[in-house]
Amino acid sequence: MDTQWPRWEVFKKDTAKKPYQAVGSVHAADADHALLNARNVFVRRPQAVSLWVAPAAVIFSRTAEQLEQGNPLPDVDQSVQQTYQIFRKATHRRSMTFMDHIGQVEAPSPAHALQAAIAQFPDPPALAWWIIPADQIISSGEDREMAAAWFDPAKTKTYKHQSAYGFVSARPQGRRRSGAKDE
């Protein structure tokens, strides 16, 4: 029996001009709980203006290697279109984020949405894609009053990236701690 809450992927928007970026995941009982957990984990110090969460189970993902193998598109009713949000990983560069939001497409299925995304967003080449039904993404909202309560407190907190801290080195010879006895 699985005793863990469902996993939700978290997408953070640092500023109004930056895209949503996948920053990690949280476990939560429902969407509201996922948003609160995401805020507590990913917005304690770094800047943010908005969060999205989506159930990990609804994400259609493909790597470049999987796409090279070629998968036929499923037969679906082409008349029923749905909006999908498109995320792409385009570099192996290490960072705090995994995927960038690059846009949305209308398609009858996630596989068709991926095909449309590859055609619409060819550059830079993708290492991986995430396709998420737009109606499955839950947002912290664009309400300025709520955003102020959720995100403004983090602006005044000092945040240092781990690379800002120096290395721990051995204590110089000849210096003793106070209270240390000679041997």
Foldseek 3Di string as FASTA:
>chain_A
DDPFAFKKWKWFAQDPPFFTFTQGIDGDNDQVRRVVVCLVPPQQAGHTQKMKIFGPVQKDKDFPVRVVVPDDDDDDDFVDKFKKWKWFAQDPDDDSTGTGTDGIDITRDQVRRVVVCCVVCVPPPGRMMIIGGPVRMDMQDNPPVSSCVRGVVNHPDDDDDPVVDDDDDDDDPPDDDPPDDDD
